[in-house]
PDB file of N, CA and C in Angstrom:
ATOM      1  N   UNK A   1      18.155 -14.775  -3.182  1.00  0.00           N
ATOM      2  CA  UNK A   1      16.718 -14.200  -2.501  1.00  0.00           C
ATOM      3  C   UNK A   1      16.654 -13.017  -1.625  1.00  0.00           C
ATOM      4  N   UNK A   2      17.306 -12.135  -3.242  1.00  0.00           N
ATOM      5  CA  UNK A   2      17.598 -10.294  -3.176  1.00  0.00           C
ATOM      6  C   UNK A   2      15.232 -10.522  -3.543  1.00  0.00           C
ATOM      7  N   UNK A   3      15.684 -11.777  -4.402  1.00  0.00           N
ATOM      8  CA  UNK A   3      14.431 -11.349  -5.222  1.00  0.00           C
ATOM      9  C   UNK A   3      12.891 -11.574  -4.322  1.00  0.00           C
ATOM     10  N   UNK A   4      13.001 -12.269  -3.206  1.00  0.00           N
ATOM     11  CA  UNK A   4      11.674 -12.176  -2.051  1.00  0.00           C
ATOM     12  C   UNK A   4      12.444 -10.872  -1.689  1.00  0.00           C
ATOM     13  N   UNK A   5      12.790 -10.481  -0.988  1.00  0.00           N
ATOM     14  CA  UNK A   5      12.845  -9.273  -0.418  1.00  0.00           C
ATOM     15  C   UNK A   5      12.250  -7.614  -0.719  1.00  0.00           C
ATOM     16  N   UNK A   6      12.446  -7.950  -2.675  1.00  0.00           N
ATOM     17  CA  UNK A   6      12.203  -6.705  -3.069  1.00  0.00           C
ATOM     18  C   UNK A   6      10.106  -7.362  -3.197  1.00  0.00           C
ATOM     19  N   UNK A   7       9.835  -7.881  -4.099  1.00  0.00           N
ATOM     20  CA  UNK A   7       8.519  -8.742  -3.345  1.00  0.00           C
ATOM     21  C   UNK A   7       8.264  -8.294  -2.056  1.00  0.00           C
ATOM     22  N   UNK A   8       8.376  -8.485  -1.326  1.00  0.00           N
ATOM     23  CA  UNK A   8       7.799  -8.206   0.080  1.00  0.00           C
ATOM     24  C   UNK A   8       7.697  -6.143   0.227  1.00  0.00           C
ATOM     25  N   UNK A   9       9.005  -5.718  -0.481  1.00  0.00           N
ATOM     26  CA  UNK A   9       8.910  -4.843   0.037  1.00  0.00           C
ATOM     27  C   UNK A   9       7.356  -4.050  -1.453  1.00  0.00           C
ATOM     28  N   UNK A  10       7.956  -4.498  -2.371  1.00  0.00           N
ATOM     29  CA  UNK A  10       6.977  -4.044  -3.255  1.00  0.00           C
ATOM     30  C   UNK A  10       4.978  -4.226  -2.410  1.00  0.00           C
ATOM     31  N   UNK A  11       4.686  -4.970  -2.289  1.00  0.00           N
ATOM     32  CA  UNK A  11       3.695  -5.182  -1.789  1.00  0.00           C
ATOM     33  C   UNK A  11       3.554  -4.224  -0.287  1.00  0.00           C
ATOM     34  N   UNK A  12       4.393  -4.703   0.691  1.00  0.00           N
ATOM     35  CA  UNK A  12       4.472  -3.262   1.394  1.00  0.00           C
ATOM     36  C   UNK A  12       3.940  -2.079   0.635  1.00  0.00           C
ATOM     37  N   UNK A  13       4.531  -1.673  -0.098  1.00  0.00           N
ATOM     38  CA  UNK A  13       4.230  -0.660  -0.560  1.00  0.00           C
ATOM     39  C   UNK A  13       2.902  -0.499  -0.771  1.00  0.00           C
ATOM     40  N   UNK A  14       2.633  -1.251  -1.760  1.00  0.00           N
ATOM     41  CA  UNK A  14       1.198  -1.200  -2.467  1.00  0.00           C
ATOM     42  C   UNK A  14       0.446  -1.134  -1.285  1.00  0.00           C
ATOM     43  N   UNK A  15       0.571  -2.123  -0.103  1.00  0.00           N
ATOM     44  CA  UNK A  15      -0.927  -1.988   1.262  1.00  0.00           C
ATOM     45  C   UNK A  15      -0.435  -0.798   1.425  1.00  0.00           C
ATOM     46  N   UNK A  16       0.442   0.225   1.652  1.00  0.00           N
ATOM     47  CA  UNK A  16       0.252   1.725   2.444  1.00  0.00           C
ATOM     48  C   UNK A  16      -0.250   2.425   1.298  1.00  0.00           C
ATOM     49  N   UNK A  17       0.499   2.312   0.217  1.00  0.00           N
ATOM     50  CA  UNK A  17      -1.137   2.984  -1.221  1.00  0.00           C
ATOM     51  C   UNK A  17      -2.308   2.627  -0.784  1.00  0.00           C
ATOM     52  N   UNK A  18      -2.751   1.543  -0.843  1.00  0.00           N
ATOM     53  CA  UNK A  18      -4.016   0.443  -0.167  1.00  0.00           C
ATOM     54  C   UNK A  18      -4.670   1.854   0.758  1.00  0.00           C
ATOM     55  N   UNK A  19      -3.758   1.701   1.933  1.00  0.00           N
ATOM     56  CA  UNK A  19      -4.399   2.323   2.822  1.00  0.00           C
ATOM     57  C   UNK A  19      -4.717   3.802   2.687  1.00  0.00           C
ATOM     58  N   UNK A  20      -3.531   4.054   1.741  1.00  0.00           N
ATOM     59  CA  UNK A  20      -3.904   5.461   1.597  1.00  0.00           C
ATOM     60  C   UNK A  20      -4.497   6.414   1.106  1.00  0.00           C
ATOM     61  N   UNK A  21      -5.174   6.115  -0.199  1.00  0.00           N
ATOM     62  CA  UNK A  21      -6.056   6.094  -0.628  1.00  0.00           C
ATOM     63  C   UNK A  21      -7.814   5.669   0.068  1.00  0.00           C
ATOM     64  N   UNK A  22      -7.805   4.463   1.008  1.00  0.00           N
ATOM     65  CA  UNK A  22      -8.729   3.762   0.939  1.00  0.00           C
ATOM     66  C   UNK A  22      -8.606   5.533   1.996  1.00  0.00           C
ATOM     67  N   UNK A  23      -7.901   6.071   3.020  1.00  0.00           N
ATOM     68  CA  UNK A  23      -7.989   7.215   3.966  1.00  0.00           C
ATOM     69  C   UNK A  23      -8.844   8.319   3.826  1.00  0.00           C
ATOM     70  N   UNK A  24      -8.254   8.509   2.284  1.00  0.00           N
ATOM     71  CA  UNK A  24      -8.260   9.755   1.094  1.00  0.00           C
ATOM     72  C   UNK A  24     -10.129   9.600   0.735  1.00  0.00           C
ATOM     73  N   UNK A  25     -10.591   8.572   0.866  1.00  0.00           N
ATOM     74  CA  UNK A  25     -11.886   7.834   0.313  1.00  0.00           C
ATOM     75  C   UNK A  25     -12.870   8.167   1.193  1.00  0.00           C
ATOM     76  N   UNK A  26     -12.066   7.639   2.322  1.00  0.00           N
ATOM     77  CA  UNK A  26     -13.297   7.615   3.555  1.00  0.00           C
ATOM     78  C   UNK A  26     -13.565   9.701   3.965  1.00  0.00           C
ATOM     79  N   UNK A  27     -12.491   9.998   3.400  1.00  0.00           N
ATOM     80  CA  UNK A  27     -12.279  11.579   3.988  1.00  0.00           C
ATOM     81  C   UNK A  27     -13.265  12.380   3.041  1.00  0.00           C
ATOM     82  N   UNK A  28     -13.082  11.247   1.370  1.00  0.00           N
ATOM     83  CA  UNK A  28     -13.926  12.448   0.379  1.00  0.00           C
ATOM     84  C   UNK A  28     -15.402  12.551   0.602  1.00  0.00           C
ATOM     85  N   UNK A  29     -15.993  10.789   1.283  1.00  0.00           N
ATOM     86  CA  UNK A  29     -17.247  10.616   1.172  1.00  0.00           C
ATOM     87  C   UNK A  29     -18.326  11.205   2.265  1.00  0.00           C
ATOM     88  N   UNK A  30     -17.277  11.865   3.825  1.00  0.00           N
ATOM     89  CA  UNK A  30     -17.468  12.268   4.826  1.00  0.00           C
ATOM     90  C   UNK A  30     -17.593  13.775   5.062  1.00  0.00           C
TER      91      UNK A  30
END
């Protein structure tokens, strides 16, 4: 079950990074 928790954390970090890159791109475009 630790494996599932690791995957959740992993995807959570990816989503956070995606959000940061999207915000960065918005800043560059504007």
